[in-house]
Amino acid sequence: MSIVVFWMEPTFEPAHARFESTELTSALKFAEARRQEGKRHVCISTELAESVGKPGVTAVVDKRLPDGHVYDFDKSHRGAGPSKT
């Protein structure tokens, strides 16, 4: 899969640049440069195979992943305010 950086030119013409999946750092720097130039609607779109899991691998049953590893990550504390204890 590739990485694509999209942005809008001042003439409201859409533009894009394509990067290989191994060029994430370059794509991020390129996107930041477009922002610094004042381009609008700068965004990156990708589904890198090494960063996007296969369907079903995120299933957690009884705090275990499909491969048997324990999964005990809990983000319930985020945004919940101070502890009530």
N, C-alpha and C. Protein backbone atom coordinates (compact mmCIF):
# COMPACT_ATOMS: atom_id res chain seq x y z
N MET A 1 0.84 -1.18 0.00
CA MET A 1 0.00 0.00 0.00
C MET A 1 0.88 1.23 0.00
N SER A 2 0.37 2.30 -0.53
CA SER A 2 1.12 3.54 -0.58
C SER A 2 0.55 4.56 0.41
N ILE A 3 1.26 5.65 0.53
CA ILE A 3 0.85 6.78 1.37
C ILE A 3 0.53 7.92 0.42
N VAL A 4 -0.58 8.61 0.63
CA VAL A 4 -0.93 9.73 -0.22
C VAL A 4 -1.17 10.96 0.65
N VAL A 5 -0.54 12.06 0.29
CA VAL A 5 -0.77 13.35 0.94
C VAL A 5 -1.66 14.17 0.02
N PHE A 6 -2.77 14.66 0.55
CA PHE A 6 -3.70 15.48 -0.21
C PHE A 6 -3.68 16.91 0.34
N TRP A 7 -3.92 17.89 -0.52
CA TRP A 7 -4.08 19.27 -0.08
C TRP A 7 -4.86 20.05 -1.13
N MET A 8 -5.31 21.22 -0.74
CA MET A 8 -6.07 22.08 -1.65
C MET A 8 -5.20 23.27 -2.04
N GLU A 9 -5.07 23.52 -3.33
CA GLU A 9 -4.33 24.68 -3.84
C GLU A 9 -5.17 25.94 -3.62
N PRO A 10 -4.54 27.12 -3.65
CA PRO A 10 -5.29 28.38 -3.48
C PRO A 10 -6.39 28.56 -4.54
N THR A 11 -6.23 27.93 -5.68
CA THR A 11 -7.24 28.01 -6.75
C THR A 11 -8.37 27.01 -6.54
N PHE A 12 -8.36 26.35 -5.36
CA PHE A 12 -9.34 25.32 -4.99
C PHE A 12 -9.21 24.05 -5.82
N GLU A 13 -8.07 23.88 -6.46
CA GLU A 13 -7.79 22.64 -7.18
C GLU A 13 -7.20 21.65 -6.19
N PRO A 14 -7.72 20.43 -6.16
CA PRO A 14 -7.12 19.42 -5.28
C PRO A 14 -5.78 18.95 -5.84
N ALA A 15 -4.87 18.64 -4.96
CA ALA A 15 -3.55 18.15 -5.37
C ALA A 15 -3.16 16.98 -4.46
N HIS A 16 -2.22 16.19 -4.92
CA HIS A 16 -1.77 15.07 -4.09
C HIS A 16 -0.35 14.68 -4.48
N ALA A 17 0.29 13.96 -3.55
CA ALA A 17 1.62 13.38 -3.79
C ALA A 17 1.61 11.97 -3.22
N ARG A 18 2.21 11.03 -3.93
CA ARG A 18 2.22 9.63 -3.52
C ARG A 18 3.60 9.25 -3.00
N PHE A 19 3.63 8.48 -1.91
CA PHE A 19 4.86 7.98 -1.31
C PHE A 19 4.75 6.47 -1.15
N GLU A 20 5.87 5.80 -1.16
CA GLU A 20 5.88 4.35 -0.92
C GLU A 20 5.60 4.09 0.56
N SER A 21 5.19 2.88 0.89
CA SER A 21 4.84 2.54 2.27
C SER A 21 6.02 2.69 3.23
N THR A 22 7.24 2.66 2.71
CA THR A 22 8.43 2.80 3.55
C THR A 22 8.83 4.26 3.76
N GLU A 23 8.06 5.19 3.20
CA GLU A 23 8.42 6.61 3.24
C GLU A 23 7.51 7.44 4.14
N LEU A 24 7.06 6.87 5.25
CA LEU A 24 6.14 7.59 6.13
C LEU A 24 6.76 8.88 6.66
N THR A 25 8.01 8.84 7.09
CA THR A 25 8.67 10.05 7.61
C THR A 25 8.72 11.14 6.54
N SER A 26 9.05 10.76 5.32
CA SER A 26 9.09 11.73 4.22
C SER A 26 7.70 12.31 3.95
N ALA A 27 6.68 11.46 4.00
CA ALA A 27 5.31 11.92 3.76
C ALA A 27 4.87 12.90 4.85
N LEU A 28 5.22 12.62 6.09
CA LEU A 28 4.87 13.53 7.19
C LEU A 28 5.58 14.87 7.04
N LYS A 29 6.85 14.84 6.69
CA LYS A 29 7.60 16.09 6.47
C LYS A 29 7.01 16.87 5.29
N PHE A 30 6.63 16.16 4.24
CA PHE A 30 6.04 16.79 3.07
C PHE A 30 4.72 17.46 3.44
N ALA A 31 3.88 16.76 4.21
CA ALA A 31 2.59 17.32 4.64
C ALA A 31 2.81 18.57 5.49
N GLU A 32 3.76 18.52 6.41
CA GLU A 32 4.05 19.68 7.25
C GLU A 32 4.53 20.86 6.40
N ALA A 33 5.34 20.59 5.40
CA ALA A 33 5.81 21.66 4.50
C ALA A 33 4.63 22.30 3.76
N ARG A 34 3.65 21.51 3.32
CA ARG A 34 2.47 22.07 2.66
C ARG A 34 1.71 22.97 3.64
N ARG A 35 1.59 22.54 4.89
CA ARG A 35 0.90 23.36 5.90
C ARG A 35 1.63 24.68 6.10
N GLN A 36 2.96 24.61 6.19
CA GLN A 36 3.76 25.82 6.40
C GLN A 36 3.68 26.77 5.20
N GLU A 37 3.42 26.23 4.03
CA GLU A 37 3.23 27.05 2.83
C GLU A 37 1.85 27.72 2.82
N GLY A 38 0.99 27.32 3.74
CA GLY A 38 -0.35 27.89 3.81
C GLY A 38 -1.40 27.13 3.03
N LYS A 39 -1.06 25.91 2.59
CA LYS A 39 -2.05 25.10 1.88
C LYS A 39 -3.17 24.71 2.83
N ARG A 40 -4.36 24.51 2.30
CA ARG A 40 -5.53 24.16 3.11
C ARG A 40 -5.87 22.68 2.96
N HIS A 41 -6.53 22.15 3.95
CA HIS A 41 -7.04 20.77 3.94
C HIS A 41 -5.95 19.74 3.67
N VAL A 42 -4.81 19.90 4.32
CA VAL A 42 -3.70 18.95 4.15
C VAL A 42 -4.01 17.71 4.98
N CYS A 43 -3.97 16.56 4.36
CA CYS A 43 -4.22 15.32 5.10
C CYS A 43 -3.43 14.16 4.47
N ILE A 44 -3.28 13.11 5.24
CA ILE A 44 -2.57 11.92 4.79
C ILE A 44 -3.55 10.76 4.84
N SER A 45 -3.51 9.93 3.82
CA SER A 45 -4.35 8.74 3.78
C SER A 45 -3.48 7.53 3.49
N THR A 46 -3.65 6.48 4.29
CA THR A 46 -2.90 5.26 4.07
C THR A 46 -3.52 4.11 4.86
N GLU A 47 -3.20 2.92 4.46
CA GLU A 47 -3.51 1.71 5.21
C GLU A 47 -2.27 0.82 5.11
N LEU A 48 -1.25 1.18 5.85
CA LEU A 48 -0.01 0.42 5.80
C LEU A 48 -0.22 -0.97 6.38
N ALA A 49 0.18 -1.97 5.64
CA ALA A 49 -0.04 -3.36 6.05
C ALA A 49 0.57 -3.65 7.42
N GLU A 50 1.71 -3.04 7.73
CA GLU A 50 2.35 -3.31 9.01
C GLU A 50 1.72 -2.51 10.16
N SER A 51 0.76 -1.61 9.84
CA SER A 51 0.12 -0.80 10.87
C SER A 51 -1.37 -1.08 11.01
N VAL A 52 -1.95 -1.80 10.07
CA VAL A 52 -3.38 -2.09 10.11
C VAL A 52 -3.54 -3.60 10.22
N GLY A 53 -4.22 -4.02 11.27
CA GLY A 53 -4.37 -5.45 11.51
C GLY A 53 -5.38 -6.10 10.59
N LYS A 54 -5.30 -7.40 10.51
CA LYS A 54 -6.27 -8.16 9.73
C LYS A 54 -7.60 -8.18 10.49
N PRO A 55 -8.72 -8.30 9.79
CA PRO A 55 -10.01 -8.34 10.47
C PRO A 55 -10.05 -9.46 11.50
N GLY A 56 -10.55 -9.13 12.67
CA GLY A 56 -10.73 -10.14 13.71
C GLY A 56 -9.59 -10.27 14.70
N VAL A 57 -8.41 -9.74 14.40
CA VAL A 57 -7.29 -9.92 15.32
C VAL A 57 -7.42 -9.06 16.56
N THR A 58 -8.33 -8.11 16.57
CA THR A 58 -8.50 -7.26 17.73
C THR A 58 -9.52 -7.82 18.71
N ALA A 59 -10.04 -8.98 18.43
CA ALA A 59 -11.02 -9.57 19.33
C ALA A 59 -10.38 -9.93 20.66
N VAL A 60 -11.03 -9.52 21.73
CA VAL A 60 -10.55 -9.83 23.08
C VAL A 60 -11.67 -10.58 23.78
N VAL A 61 -11.39 -11.81 24.19
CA VAL A 61 -12.37 -12.63 24.90
C VAL A 61 -11.75 -13.03 26.22
N ASP A 62 -12.42 -12.70 27.32
CA ASP A 62 -11.92 -13.01 28.66
C ASP A 62 -10.49 -12.49 28.85
N LYS A 63 -10.26 -11.25 28.38
CA LYS A 63 -8.96 -10.57 28.50
C LYS A 63 -7.82 -11.32 27.82
N ARG A 64 -8.14 -12.04 26.73
CA ARG A 64 -7.11 -12.74 25.96
C ARG A 64 -7.33 -12.46 24.48
N LEU A 65 -6.20 -12.32 23.74
CA LEU A 65 -6.24 -12.17 22.30
C LEU A 65 -6.44 -13.53 21.65
N PRO A 66 -6.79 -13.57 20.36
CA PRO A 66 -6.98 -14.86 19.70
C PRO A 66 -5.77 -15.79 19.79
N ASP A 67 -4.55 -15.24 19.89
CA ASP A 67 -3.37 -16.09 20.00
C ASP A 67 -3.07 -16.53 21.43
N GLY A 68 -3.94 -16.16 22.39
CA GLY A 68 -3.78 -16.59 23.77
C GLY A 68 -3.07 -15.60 24.68
N HIS A 69 -2.45 -14.56 24.12
CA HIS A 69 -1.76 -13.57 24.95
C HIS A 69 -2.77 -12.78 25.79
N VAL A 70 -2.37 -12.45 27.01
CA VAL A 70 -3.21 -11.66 27.90
C VAL A 70 -3.29 -10.23 27.38
N TYR A 71 -4.48 -9.66 27.38
CA TYR A 71 -4.70 -8.28 26.96
C TYR A 71 -5.46 -7.58 28.08
N ASP A 72 -4.74 -6.73 28.82
CA ASP A 72 -5.39 -6.07 29.95
C ASP A 72 -5.36 -4.55 29.86
N PHE A 73 -5.11 -4.00 28.66
CA PHE A 73 -5.10 -2.56 28.47
C PHE A 73 -6.50 -2.00 28.72
N ASP A 74 -6.56 -0.92 29.46
CA ASP A 74 -7.85 -0.30 29.77
C ASP A 74 -7.69 1.21 29.70
N LYS A 75 -8.45 1.86 28.87
CA LYS A 75 -8.35 3.32 28.78
C LYS A 75 -9.55 4.01 29.40
N SER A 76 -10.25 3.32 30.27
CA SER A 76 -11.45 3.91 30.87
C SER A 76 -11.13 5.14 31.71
N HIS A 77 -9.88 5.28 32.15
CA HIS A 77 -9.50 6.44 32.95
C HIS A 77 -9.37 7.71 32.12
N ARG A 78 -9.22 7.59 30.83
CA ARG A 78 -9.00 8.76 29.98
C ARG A 78 -10.28 9.57 29.82
N GLY A 79 -10.19 10.82 30.17
CA GLY A 79 -11.34 11.72 30.02
C GLY A 79 -12.44 11.50 31.03
N ALA A 80 -12.19 10.64 32.00
CA ALA A 80 -13.22 10.32 32.99
C ALA A 80 -13.18 11.26 34.18
N GLY A 81 -12.22 12.19 34.20
CA GLY A 81 -12.10 13.10 35.32
C GLY A 81 -11.29 12.47 36.44
N PRO A 82 -11.25 13.15 37.58
CA PRO A 82 -10.46 12.64 38.70
C PRO A 82 -11.05 11.36 39.29
N SER A 83 -10.18 10.59 39.89
CA SER A 83 -10.61 9.35 40.52
C SER A 83 -11.60 9.63 41.63
N LYS A 84 -12.59 8.77 41.78
CA LYS A 84 -13.63 8.96 42.81
C LYS A 84 -13.27 8.30 44.12
N THR A 85 -12.07 7.73 44.20
CA THR A 85 -11.66 7.07 45.45
C THR A 85 -10.90 8.00 46.34
